[in-house]
Amino acid sequence: MSERTSRFTSLSGLAIEPVYTPDHLKDWHADRDLGLPGAFPYTRGIHSTMYRGRLWTMRQFAGFGSAEDTNRRFHYLLHQGQTGLSVAFDLPTLMGLDSDDPRAQGEVGHCGVAVSSLADMERLFDGIPLDQVTTSMTINGPAAVLFAMYLAVARKRGIPFSRLGGTLQNDILKEYIAQKEWLFPPEPHMALTVDTIAYCAAHVPKWHPISISGYHIREAGSTAVQELAFTLYDGLTYVDAAVNAGLHVDTFAPRLSFFFNVHNDFFEEIAKFRAARRLWAREMERRYHPKNPRSLQLRCHAQTAGCSLTAQQPMNNVVRTSLQALAAVLGGTQSLHTNSMDETLALPTEEAVTLALRTQQIIAAESETVNTVDPLGGSYFVESLTNRLEEGAQDYFRRLDGMGGMIRAIEGGFPQREILEASQRYQRELERGERSLVGVTDHVENRQRPIPILRIGPEVEQEQVARLSDLRKSRDPFRMAGALEEVQETAACHQNLMPALIEAVLAKATVGEICSALREVYGTYREPVVL
């Protein structure tokens, strides 16, 4: 029997041996590198009982059309057994634009929910008890503004901020690296991120003020090693910024969270989660010497790989997502989103998103993988992969340190260039037949089976524009203008912006108006050309 390929490598390019033995772990010490679940360096998980004590949060990413459309989907998912909410915002909102901005035309409600005002946020969470359900908001550039709206909704309902739980993505560094949805230059954006971290530490203690995201880095084409390295180094950059702003590491580090992609290389993805926990614990201890053990623990959400989905034979995506979800569970994630089979074609239909949720529920209830903690711990192969991923990330750490940190590296185009080269390398391997993509490179079908598609009509944008027109006519213009002036003065004085932002949204200032006001203070940013 002939070998199916001349190369056996992981998606990161790590050479894979035909069999693993103790010889592959010569410098590995179980007490130092493995330990017990819930104990430093947390290779086997941050909780001693893991899923025997509590299942991961099933948090399906949802958002489309108007606030009412998404609110109905939220209620549906909660009724189907989802245990946490996750908001997808449309592109104009992600870019700090209102739905009636000329640049938003044709994009309103298409890749997420349109939120331009506090009234939209109130409609989005109508009938949902904010003090009983945790909410994740995938928003970065204008994250502080949308968070202020969420807090304002709670205030108007009489819910103390101390009872709110959830996560704000708020990871601006990965925007410069991968997703490209920034509003301002890096330095003021970092200051705004630190403002949210400090405000949550003082007033919203159950909230995760930042979800340091490798997901979009991986979606841009990085390897698992690059995702691991750039994400954790971004995290250390935020810790540096917060400590330099006067915060003690133990006041905020226990509420930092991470967000990882789960790609197709099953064992490499499992090892990536294990290496991430160990490397984060070791770096936090070495660099900051926290007193609270929770400051060393990496908590993470995971999402199956959107970039692995194919428009060809979309039912195959159900299988891909199932394997990726299982890898996240075996890797020890605390929260999980499973992609719907139709997401490469359009927004997920109700049927598709239900099947994606059922995938998690079947793993939890029927696979029996939750019965023991870190069931692959001690595997020669998994431990070897874990070690090599950690070593690869540490090599990137040394290079980034030598460049003067992540912001300087971004300004020089280093992480962007590394990801570009990795994505091109993967594409060449597909085109040369060195890797397979079922339904695309192998087992191709000429006939495409049609599947239902969720489409957003022009009425969503029309309704949003009309609502914004009514809002601007009905609000107190003097109160709104004064609130925006206060936002600008606070930003110019380098004081914490969160109180001023909350007052601005209560004065009915819109996302676009607030971001435009801040842009006058902070300026704009042009990224370097990456060749």
Protein backbone atom coordinates (compact mmCIF):
# COMPACT_ATOMS: atom_id res chain seq x y z
CA MET A 1 0.00 0.00 0.00
CA SER A 2 1.45 3.37 -1.00
CA GLU A 3 1.53 6.38 1.26
CA ARG A 4 -1.23 8.90 0.53
CA THR A 5 1.21 11.81 0.55
CA SER A 6 4.92 12.44 0.82
CA ARG A 7 4.41 14.82 3.74
CA PHE A 8 2.88 14.15 7.15
CA THR A 9 2.64 17.48 8.92
CA SER A 10 0.18 19.29 11.14
CA LEU A 11 -1.58 22.36 9.80
CA SER A 12 1.17 24.38 11.51
CA GLY A 13 3.77 22.49 9.52
CA LEU A 14 5.02 20.41 12.46
CA ALA A 15 6.38 17.05 11.29
CA ILE A 16 4.21 14.18 12.51
CA GLU A 17 5.87 10.85 13.30
CA PRO A 18 4.14 7.52 12.51
CA VAL A 19 4.20 6.50 16.18
CA TYR A 20 5.06 8.24 19.47
CA THR A 21 6.99 6.74 22.37
CA PRO A 22 8.52 7.99 25.65
CA ASP A 23 11.58 8.99 23.59
CA HIS A 24 9.56 11.93 22.25
CA LEU A 25 9.23 13.27 25.80
CA LYS A 26 12.85 13.05 26.93
CA ASP A 27 12.94 16.55 28.47
CA TRP A 28 9.37 16.41 29.69
CA HIS A 29 8.58 16.09 33.40
CA ALA A 30 5.04 15.16 34.39
CA ASP A 31 5.15 17.02 37.71
CA ARG A 32 6.45 20.22 36.09
CA ASP A 33 4.68 20.18 32.72
CA LEU A 34 1.51 18.18 33.32
CA GLY A 35 0.45 18.33 36.95
CA LEU A 36 -3.13 17.84 38.07
CA PRO A 37 -6.27 19.53 36.78
CA GLY A 38 -6.87 22.77 38.62
CA ALA A 39 -3.21 23.13 39.63
CA PHE A 40 -0.33 25.13 38.16
CA PRO A 41 0.60 25.17 35.28
CA TYR A 42 -3.02 24.25 34.38
CA THR A 43 -2.07 22.12 31.38
CA ARG A 44 -4.94 19.77 32.25
CA GLY A 45 -7.50 22.49 32.90
CA ILE A 46 -8.17 25.36 35.29
CA HIS A 47 -10.79 23.42 37.29
CA SER A 48 -10.07 20.21 39.18
CA THR A 49 -13.45 18.67 38.30
CA MET A 50 -13.84 20.27 34.84
CA TYR A 51 -17.07 19.12 33.14
CA ARG A 52 -17.95 16.71 35.95
CA GLY A 53 -18.57 19.83 38.01
CA ARG A 54 -20.10 22.05 35.31
CA LEU A 55 -20.54 21.80 31.56
CA TRP A 56 -19.16 24.44 29.25
CA THR A 57 -21.45 27.35 28.39
CA MET A 58 -23.25 26.72 25.10
CA ARG A 59 -23.19 30.18 23.58
CA GLN A 60 -24.36 30.33 19.95
CA PHE A 61 -23.29 33.47 18.09
CA ALA A 62 -26.48 35.17 16.86
CA GLY A 63 -27.42 38.44 15.24
CA PHE A 64 -29.10 39.56 12.04
CA GLY A 65 -31.47 42.15 10.72
CA SER A 66 -33.15 44.40 13.27
CA ALA A 67 -32.98 44.26 17.04
CA GLU A 68 -36.42 42.62 17.04
CA ASP A 69 -35.24 39.91 14.60
CA THR A 70 -32.29 39.02 16.78
CA ASN A 71 -34.31 39.23 19.98
CA ARG A 72 -36.64 36.56 18.61
CA ARG A 73 -33.63 34.36 17.78
CA PHE A 74 -32.26 34.88 21.31
CA HIS A 75 -35.52 33.74 22.87
CA TYR A 76 -35.67 30.76 20.49
CA LEU A 77 -32.13 29.63 21.34
CA LEU A 78 -32.69 29.97 25.07
CA HIS A 79 -35.85 27.88 24.70
CA GLN A 80 -33.79 25.24 22.82
CA GLY A 81 -31.35 24.92 25.72
CA GLN A 82 -28.66 27.48 24.97
CA THR A 83 -27.06 28.63 28.22
CA GLY A 84 -25.60 32.03 27.24
CA LEU A 85 -26.15 34.76 24.67
CA SER A 86 -23.64 35.96 22.09
CA VAL A 87 -24.30 39.05 19.96
CA ALA A 88 -23.14 39.43 16.36
CA PHE A 89 -23.26 43.05 15.21
CA ASP A 90 -23.53 44.16 11.59
CA LEU A 91 -20.60 45.73 9.75
CA PRO A 92 -21.67 49.38 10.17
CA THR A 93 -21.95 48.91 13.94
CA LEU A 94 -18.57 47.15 14.04
CA MET A 95 -17.08 50.16 12.24
CA GLY A 96 -18.72 52.71 14.54
CA LEU A 97 -21.20 53.88 11.91
CA ASP A 98 -24.93 54.52 12.25
CA SER A 99 -27.38 52.68 10.03
CA ASP A 100 -28.20 55.89 8.15
CA ASP A 101 -24.57 56.71 7.37
CA PRO A 102 -24.01 56.70 3.57
CA ARG A 103 -21.13 54.25 4.09
CA ALA A 104 -23.56 51.79 5.72
CA GLN A 105 -25.83 51.54 2.71
CA GLY A 106 -26.47 47.94 1.71
CA GLU A 107 -24.80 46.50 4.83
CA VAL A 108 -27.39 47.17 7.54
CA GLY A 109 -28.35 43.97 9.34
CA HIS A 110 -26.57 41.68 6.89
CA CYS A 111 -23.73 40.14 8.90
CA GLY A 112 -25.24 40.81 12.32
CA VAL A 113 -27.74 42.95 14.15
CA ALA A 114 -27.93 46.70 13.54
CA VAL A 115 -27.48 48.70 16.76
CA SER A 116 -27.14 52.47 16.49
CA SER A 117 -28.81 53.72 19.66
CA LEU A 118 -29.77 52.85 23.20
CA ALA A 119 -33.31 52.22 21.93
CA ASP A 120 -31.94 49.50 19.63
CA MET A 121 -30.10 47.90 22.56
CA GLU A 122 -33.29 47.95 24.64
CA ARG A 123 -35.21 46.20 21.86
CA LEU A 124 -32.40 43.68 21.42
CA PHE A 125 -32.70 42.48 25.03
CA ASP A 126 -36.44 42.91 25.48
CA GLY A 127 -37.79 40.27 27.84
CA ILE A 128 -34.34 38.89 28.67
CA PRO A 129 -33.27 39.06 32.35
CA LEU A 130 -29.81 40.58 32.15
CA ASP A 131 -28.98 39.59 35.71
CA GLN A 132 -29.76 35.92 35.00
CA VAL A 133 -28.24 35.35 31.52
CA THR A 134 -24.62 36.03 30.62
CA THR A 135 -24.05 37.95 27.40
CA SER A 136 -21.06 38.03 25.08
CA MET A 137 -20.71 40.96 22.69
CA THR A 138 -18.39 40.56 19.71
CA ILE A 139 -17.45 44.19 19.18
CA ASN A 140 -14.01 45.81 19.20
CA GLY A 141 -13.49 49.30 17.76
CA PRO A 142 -16.60 50.84 19.37
CA ALA A 143 -16.71 48.22 22.16
CA ALA A 144 -16.80 50.76 25.00
CA VAL A 145 -19.77 52.53 23.41
CA LEU A 146 -21.83 49.36 22.97
CA PHE A 147 -20.89 48.26 26.49
CA ALA A 148 -22.09 51.63 27.78
CA MET A 149 -25.42 50.97 26.05
CA TYR A 150 -25.72 47.56 27.71
CA LEU A 151 -24.98 49.10 31.11
CA ALA A 152 -27.51 51.87 30.43
CA VAL A 153 -30.20 49.27 29.70
CA ALA A 154 -29.43 47.64 33.05
CA ARG A 155 -29.52 50.99 34.84
CA LYS A 156 -32.91 51.87 33.33
CA ARG A 157 -34.23 48.48 34.52
CA GLY A 158 -32.85 49.01 38.01
CA ILE A 159 -30.38 46.13 37.76
CA PRO A 160 -27.15 46.74 39.72
CA PHE A 161 -24.03 46.48 37.59
CA SER A 162 -22.62 44.05 40.14
CA ARG A 163 -25.18 41.45 39.03
CA LEU A 164 -24.32 41.60 35.33
CA GLY A 165 -22.26 38.79 33.83
CA GLY A 166 -20.79 38.45 30.38
CA THR A 167 -17.91 39.25 28.07
CA LEU A 168 -16.91 42.17 25.88
CA GLN A 169 -14.55 41.17 23.08
CA ASN A 170 -12.84 44.59 23.08
CA ASP A 171 -9.60 43.19 21.59
CA ILE A 172 -8.29 45.98 19.40
CA LEU A 173 -4.81 44.55 18.80
CA LYS A 174 -6.12 41.64 16.75
CA GLU A 175 -8.04 44.16 14.64
CA TYR A 176 -4.77 45.68 13.48
CA ILE A 177 -3.35 42.18 12.99
CA ALA A 178 -6.23 40.44 11.25
CA GLN A 179 -9.80 41.73 11.15
CA LYS A 180 -9.12 45.40 10.26
CA GLU A 181 -12.07 46.96 12.12
CA TRP A 182 -10.27 49.66 14.11
CA LEU A 183 -11.45 53.25 14.57
CA PHE A 184 -8.42 55.08 16.01
CA PRO A 185 -4.62 54.67 16.23
CA PRO A 186 -3.34 51.90 18.53
CA GLU A 187 -2.30 54.02 21.53
CA PRO A 188 -5.69 55.73 22.22
CA HIS A 189 -7.49 52.48 21.43
CA MET A 190 -5.35 50.74 24.06
CA ALA A 191 -6.19 53.49 26.56
CA LEU A 192 -9.89 52.99 25.86
CA THR A 193 -9.51 49.25 26.43
CA VAL A 194 -7.78 49.90 29.76
CA ASP A 195 -10.68 52.22 30.71
CA THR A 196 -13.13 49.33 30.31
CA ILE A 197 -10.86 46.98 32.27
CA ALA A 198 -10.56 49.47 35.14
CA TYR A 199 -14.29 50.30 35.12
CA CYS A 200 -15.28 46.64 35.26
CA ALA A 201 -12.84 45.93 38.07
CA ALA A 202 -14.45 48.70 40.11
CA HIS A 203 -18.12 48.50 39.10
CA VAL A 204 -18.95 45.35 37.06
CA PRO A 205 -16.97 42.64 38.86
CA LYS A 206 -18.62 39.64 37.18
CA TRP A 207 -17.93 40.95 33.68
CA HIS A 208 -15.01 39.94 31.46
CA PRO A 209 -13.93 43.32 30.01
CA ILE A 210 -11.90 41.78 27.21
CA SER A 211 -11.86 38.54 25.25
CA ILE A 212 -8.40 38.31 23.75
CA SER A 213 -9.10 36.76 20.41
CA GLY A 214 -7.10 34.31 18.36
CA TYR A 215 -10.20 33.39 16.41
CA HIS A 216 -9.89 36.12 13.80
CA ILE A 217 -6.12 35.67 13.61
CA ARG A 218 -6.75 32.06 12.60
CA GLU A 219 -9.56 33.02 10.23
CA ALA A 220 -7.09 35.33 8.47
CA GLY A 221 -4.92 32.31 7.68
CA SER A 222 -2.52 31.86 10.59
CA THR A 223 -1.23 28.55 11.84
CA ALA A 224 -2.11 27.19 15.27
CA VAL A 225 1.34 28.24 16.52
CA GLN A 226 0.83 31.81 15.28
CA GLU A 227 -2.68 31.96 16.72
CA LEU A 228 -1.35 30.80 20.08
CA ALA A 229 1.65 33.15 20.06
CA PHE A 230 0.02 36.35 18.82
CA THR A 231 -3.06 35.90 21.00
CA LEU A 232 -1.19 35.31 24.24
CA TYR A 233 1.29 38.08 23.48
CA ASP A 234 -1.65 40.43 22.85
CA GLY A 235 -2.91 39.40 26.28
CA LEU A 236 0.40 40.24 27.90
CA THR A 237 0.35 43.60 26.10
CA TYR A 238 -3.03 44.41 27.68
CA VAL A 239 -1.73 43.37 31.09
CA ASP A 240 1.28 45.65 30.62
CA ALA A 241 -0.98 48.55 29.65
CA ALA A 242 -3.27 48.05 32.64
CA VAL A 243 -0.38 47.71 35.11
CA ASN A 244 1.31 50.80 33.64
CA ALA A 245 -1.98 52.67 34.13
CA GLY A 246 -1.76 51.93 37.86
CA LEU A 247 -3.90 48.80 38.22
CA HIS A 248 -2.62 45.91 40.32
CA VAL A 249 -2.53 42.72 38.30
CA ASP A 250 -4.75 40.83 40.75
CA THR A 251 -7.53 43.43 40.45
CA PHE A 252 -8.23 42.59 36.80
CA ALA A 253 -6.31 39.52 35.58
CA PRO A 254 -8.84 37.02 37.03
CA ARG A 255 -11.47 38.50 34.68
CA LEU A 256 -9.42 38.36 31.48
CA SER A 257 -10.71 35.82 28.97
CA PHE A 258 -9.55 34.38 25.66
CA PHE A 259 -11.24 33.29 22.45
CA PHE A 260 -9.74 30.56 20.26
CA ASN A 261 -10.50 29.07 16.90
CA VAL A 262 -10.95 25.30 16.56
CA HIS A 263 -9.69 24.16 13.16
CA ASN A 264 -9.54 20.80 11.40
CA ASP A 265 -6.32 19.31 12.81
CA PHE A 266 -7.98 17.42 15.66
CA PHE A 267 -5.03 16.63 17.91
CA GLU A 268 -3.16 19.86 17.20
CA GLU A 269 -6.21 21.85 18.31
CA ILE A 270 -6.51 19.88 21.55
CA ALA A 271 -2.81 20.43 22.23
CA LYS A 272 -3.19 24.16 21.46
CA PHE A 273 -5.66 24.66 24.33
CA ARG A 274 -3.38 22.79 26.72
CA ALA A 275 -0.29 24.72 25.62
CA ALA A 276 -2.19 28.02 25.92
CA ARG A 277 -3.07 27.43 29.58
CA ARG A 278 0.44 26.35 30.49
CA LEU A 279 2.21 29.14 28.64
CA TRP A 280 -0.11 31.84 29.98
CA ALA A 281 0.36 30.65 33.57
CA ARG A 282 4.12 30.55 33.25
CA GLU A 283 4.40 33.95 31.56
CA MET A 284 2.05 35.66 34.00
CA GLU A 285 3.98 34.25 36.94
CA ARG A 286 7.37 35.18 35.44
CA ARG A 287 6.43 38.71 34.37
CA TYR A 288 3.98 39.94 37.02
CA HIS A 289 4.24 37.70 40.13
CA PRO A 290 0.52 37.81 41.02
CA LYS A 291 -0.62 36.71 44.47
CA ASN A 292 -4.03 35.41 43.35
CA PRO A 293 -3.78 32.01 41.59
CA ARG A 294 -6.76 32.96 39.41
CA SER A 295 -4.58 35.60 37.78
CA LEU A 296 -2.59 32.73 36.27
CA GLN A 297 -5.57 30.83 34.88
CA LEU A 298 -6.49 31.12 31.21
CA ARG A 299 -10.25 31.03 30.70
CA CYS A 300 -11.46 30.70 27.13
CA HIS A 301 -14.35 30.58 24.72
CA ALA A 302 -13.97 28.62 21.50
CA GLN A 303 -15.68 28.70 18.13
CA THR A 304 -15.43 26.17 15.36
CA ALA A 305 -13.55 27.38 12.29
CA GLY A 306 -15.64 29.46 9.94
CA CYS A 307 -12.82 29.44 7.39
CA SER A 308 -13.01 25.64 7.21
CA LEU A 309 -16.62 25.66 6.02
CA THR A 310 -17.26 25.11 2.33
CA ALA A 311 -20.04 26.31 0.05
CA GLN A 312 -19.63 23.05 -1.84
CA GLN A 313 -21.56 20.17 -0.23
CA PRO A 314 -22.52 22.28 2.83
CA MET A 315 -23.83 19.24 4.72
CA ASN A 316 -20.18 18.21 5.10
CA ASN A 317 -19.84 21.23 7.39
CA VAL A 318 -21.92 19.40 10.00
CA VAL A 319 -19.19 16.76 10.24
CA ARG A 320 -16.38 19.33 10.32
CA THR A 321 -18.11 21.28 13.07
CA SER A 322 -18.75 18.13 15.12
CA LEU A 323 -15.09 17.13 15.08
CA GLN A 324 -13.94 20.66 15.86
CA ALA A 325 -16.41 20.94 18.75
CA LEU A 326 -15.18 17.64 20.18
CA ALA A 327 -11.59 18.90 19.97
CA ALA A 328 -12.58 22.04 21.93
CA VAL A 329 -14.22 19.93 24.62
CA LEU A 330 -11.26 17.54 24.88
CA GLY A 331 -9.03 20.63 25.01
CA GLY A 332 -10.97 22.01 27.97
CA THR A 333 -12.83 25.10 26.76
CA GLN A 334 -15.16 26.95 29.15
CA SER A 335 -17.57 28.14 26.46
CA LEU A 336 -18.33 27.05 22.90
CA HIS A 337 -20.06 28.19 19.72
CA THR A 338 -20.64 25.66 16.95
CA ASN A 339 -20.97 27.05 13.43
CA SER A 340 -24.03 26.30 11.35
CA MET A 341 -23.62 24.36 8.12
CA ASP A 342 -24.95 27.22 5.97
CA GLU A 343 -22.81 30.07 7.34
CA THR A 344 -20.50 30.12 4.35
CA LEU A 345 -23.54 30.92 2.18
CA ALA A 346 -25.57 33.27 4.35
CA LEU A 347 -26.76 33.95 7.88
CA PRO A 348 -27.78 30.68 9.56
CA THR A 349 -31.38 29.58 9.33
CA GLU A 350 -33.30 28.52 12.43
CA GLU A 351 -33.03 24.87 11.40
CA ALA A 352 -29.27 25.07 10.85
CA VAL A 353 -28.54 26.88 14.10
CA THR A 354 -30.64 24.35 16.02
CA LEU A 355 -28.59 21.50 14.55
CA ALA A 356 -25.38 23.34 15.51
CA LEU A 357 -26.63 23.66 19.10
CA ARG A 358 -27.72 20.01 19.15
CA THR A 359 -24.14 19.09 18.17
CA GLN A 360 -22.91 20.49 21.48
CA GLN A 361 -25.76 18.90 23.41
CA ILE A 362 -25.05 15.47 21.93
CA ILE A 363 -21.37 15.74 22.84
CA ALA A 364 -22.34 16.75 26.37
CA ALA A 365 -25.11 14.20 26.92
CA GLU A 366 -24.19 11.19 24.80
CA SER A 367 -20.46 11.00 24.02
CA GLU A 368 -19.39 10.41 27.66
CA THR A 369 -16.32 12.58 27.04
CA VAL A 370 -17.34 14.70 30.04
CA ASN A 371 -16.86 11.85 32.50
CA THR A 372 -13.17 12.45 33.16
CA VAL A 373 -10.88 15.47 33.17
CA ASP A 374 -8.32 15.79 30.34
CA PRO A 375 -8.79 12.24 29.05
CA LEU A 376 -5.85 12.60 26.63
CA GLY A 377 -3.40 13.78 29.29
CA GLY A 378 -0.23 11.68 29.22
CA SER A 379 -0.62 10.66 25.58
CA TYR A 380 2.85 10.63 24.03
CA PHE A 381 1.48 12.27 20.88
CA VAL A 382 -0.65 14.92 22.59
CA GLU A 383 2.03 15.85 25.12
CA SER A 384 4.64 16.09 22.37
CA LEU A 385 2.37 18.36 20.33
CA THR A 386 1.64 20.46 23.41
CA ASN A 387 5.35 20.92 24.04
CA ARG A 388 6.12 21.83 20.44
CA LEU A 389 3.28 24.34 20.22
CA GLU A 390 4.48 25.99 23.41
CA GLU A 391 8.05 26.10 22.10
CA GLY A 392 6.89 27.61 18.80
CA ALA A 393 4.92 30.30 20.63
CA GLN A 394 7.86 31.08 22.91
CA ASP A 395 10.05 31.63 19.84
CA TYR A 396 7.55 34.22 18.61
CA PHE A 397 7.53 35.80 22.07
CA ARG A 398 11.29 36.29 21.90
CA ARG A 399 11.02 37.86 18.46
CA LEU A 400 8.22 40.20 19.54
CA ASP A 401 10.12 41.21 22.67
CA GLY A 402 13.09 42.04 20.45
CA MET A 403 10.92 44.30 18.29
CA GLY A 404 9.80 46.32 21.30
CA GLY A 405 6.40 44.71 21.79
CA MET A 406 3.24 44.02 19.82
CA ILE A 407 2.31 47.59 18.90
CA ARG A 408 5.73 48.22 17.37
CA ALA A 409 5.52 44.85 15.59
CA ILE A 410 2.08 45.73 14.17
CA GLU A 411 3.34 49.10 12.96
CA GLY A 412 6.14 47.26 11.18
CA GLY A 413 3.71 44.74 9.68
CA PHE A 414 5.34 41.69 11.31
CA PRO A 415 2.34 39.61 12.48
CA GLN A 416 0.38 40.58 9.35
CA ARG A 417 3.23 39.34 7.14
CA GLU A 418 3.60 36.08 9.06
CA ILE A 419 -0.12 35.33 8.69
CA LEU A 420 -0.08 36.25 4.99
CA GLU A 421 2.77 33.83 4.33
CA ALA A 422 1.05 31.04 6.30
CA SER A 423 -2.23 31.47 4.43
CA GLN A 424 -0.46 31.44 1.07
CA ARG A 425 1.46 28.32 2.05
CA TYR A 426 -1.77 26.51 2.99
CA GLN A 427 -3.41 27.51 -0.31
CA ARG A 428 -0.43 26.21 -2.28
CA GLU A 429 -0.62 22.89 -0.43
CA LEU A 430 -4.29 22.55 -1.38
CA GLU A 431 -3.60 23.40 -5.01
CA ARG A 432 -0.70 20.91 -5.19
CA GLY A 433 -2.85 18.15 -3.71
CA GLU A 434 -0.78 17.92 -0.52
CA ARG A 435 -3.87 18.58 1.59
CA SER A 436 -7.46 17.53 1.03
CA LEU A 437 -10.68 19.47 1.31
CA VAL A 438 -13.54 17.07 0.81
CA GLY A 439 -16.03 18.33 -1.74
CA VAL A 440 -13.54 20.89 -3.08
CA THR A 441 -10.29 19.09 -3.94
CA ASP A 442 -11.56 15.52 -3.48
CA HIS A 443 -14.91 13.78 -3.98
CA VAL A 444 -16.23 16.69 -5.99
CA GLU A 445 -19.86 16.71 -7.11
CA ASN A 446 -20.92 18.68 -10.16
CA ARG A 447 -24.52 18.98 -8.99
CA GLN A 448 -25.17 21.29 -6.05
CA ARG A 449 -28.09 20.48 -3.79
CA PRO A 450 -29.96 23.69 -2.90
CA ILE A 451 -30.46 24.50 0.79
CA PRO A 452 -32.67 27.17 2.41
CA ILE A 453 -31.05 30.60 2.74
CA LEU A 454 -31.88 33.34 5.24
CA ARG A 455 -31.98 36.66 3.40
CA ILE A 456 -32.17 40.20 4.78
CA GLY A 457 -34.51 42.45 2.83
CA PRO A 458 -34.15 46.19 2.23
CA GLU A 459 -36.93 46.90 4.73
CA VAL A 460 -34.50 46.36 7.63
CA GLU A 461 -32.33 49.27 6.52
CA GLN A 462 -35.36 51.41 5.71
CA GLU A 463 -36.83 50.85 9.19
CA GLN A 464 -33.50 51.57 10.88
CA VAL A 465 -33.07 54.83 8.98
CA ALA A 466 -36.61 55.91 9.85
CA ARG A 467 -36.09 55.12 13.53
CA LEU A 468 -32.88 57.13 13.66
CA SER A 469 -34.65 60.06 12.04
CA ASP A 470 -37.38 59.89 14.68
CA LEU A 471 -34.77 59.59 17.46
CA ARG A 472 -32.91 62.70 16.36
CA LYS A 473 -36.15 64.69 16.22
CA SER A 474 -37.36 63.59 19.66
CA ARG A 475 -34.23 63.93 21.81
CA ASP A 476 -33.07 66.97 23.75
CA PRO A 477 -30.36 68.41 21.45
CA PHE A 478 -28.73 70.46 24.19
CA ARG A 479 -28.41 67.49 26.54
CA MET A 480 -27.02 65.33 23.72
CA ALA A 481 -24.51 67.98 22.59
CA GLY A 482 -23.38 68.55 26.16
CA ALA A 483 -22.89 64.83 26.67
CA LEU A 484 -20.74 64.56 23.53
CA GLU A 485 -18.68 67.53 24.64
CA GLU A 486 -18.11 65.81 27.98
CA VAL A 487 -16.95 62.67 26.13
CA GLN A 488 -14.40 64.71 24.19
CA GLU A 489 -13.13 66.58 27.22
CA THR A 490 -12.77 63.36 29.21
CA ALA A 491 -10.86 61.74 26.35
CA ALA A 492 -8.56 64.74 25.99
CA CYS A 493 -7.82 64.71 29.74
CA HIS A 494 -7.04 60.95 29.68
CA GLN A 495 -9.66 60.19 32.31
CA ASN A 496 -11.79 57.04 32.39
CA LEU A 497 -14.34 57.41 29.60
CA MET A 498 -16.94 54.88 30.71
CA PRO A 499 -19.06 57.22 32.92
CA ALA A 500 -19.16 59.85 30.17
CA LEU A 501 -20.09 57.24 27.56
CA ILE A 502 -22.96 55.94 29.70
CA GLU A 503 -24.32 59.47 30.07
CA ALA A 504 -23.94 60.06 26.33
CA VAL A 505 -26.00 57.02 25.34
CA LEU A 506 -28.62 57.93 27.98
CA ALA A 507 -28.77 61.34 26.27
CA LYS A 508 -29.62 59.41 23.06
CA ALA A 509 -26.32 60.03 21.29
CA THR A 510 -25.80 57.36 18.63
CA VAL A 511 -22.87 55.02 18.06
CA GLY A 512 -21.80 56.99 15.00
CA GLU A 513 -22.02 60.35 16.76
CA ILE A 514 -19.98 59.21 19.74
CA CYS A 515 -17.31 57.56 17.59
CA SER A 516 -17.10 60.63 15.37
CA ALA A 517 -16.63 62.83 18.44
CA LEU A 518 -13.84 60.58 19.70
CA ARG A 519 -12.19 60.54 16.29
CA GLU A 520 -11.80 64.31 16.53
CA VAL A 521 -9.73 63.78 19.69
CA TYR A 522 -7.90 60.56 18.84
CA GLY A 523 -7.36 60.90 15.09
CA THR A 524 -7.33 58.09 12.53
CA TYR A 525 -4.93 55.30 11.57
CA ARG A 526 -3.50 54.01 8.29
CA GLU A 527 -1.99 50.55 8.43
CA PRO A 528 1.44 49.76 6.95
CA VAL A 529 1.68 48.14 3.53
CA VAL A 530 2.53 44.45 3.95
CA LEU A 531 4.42 42.90 1.04
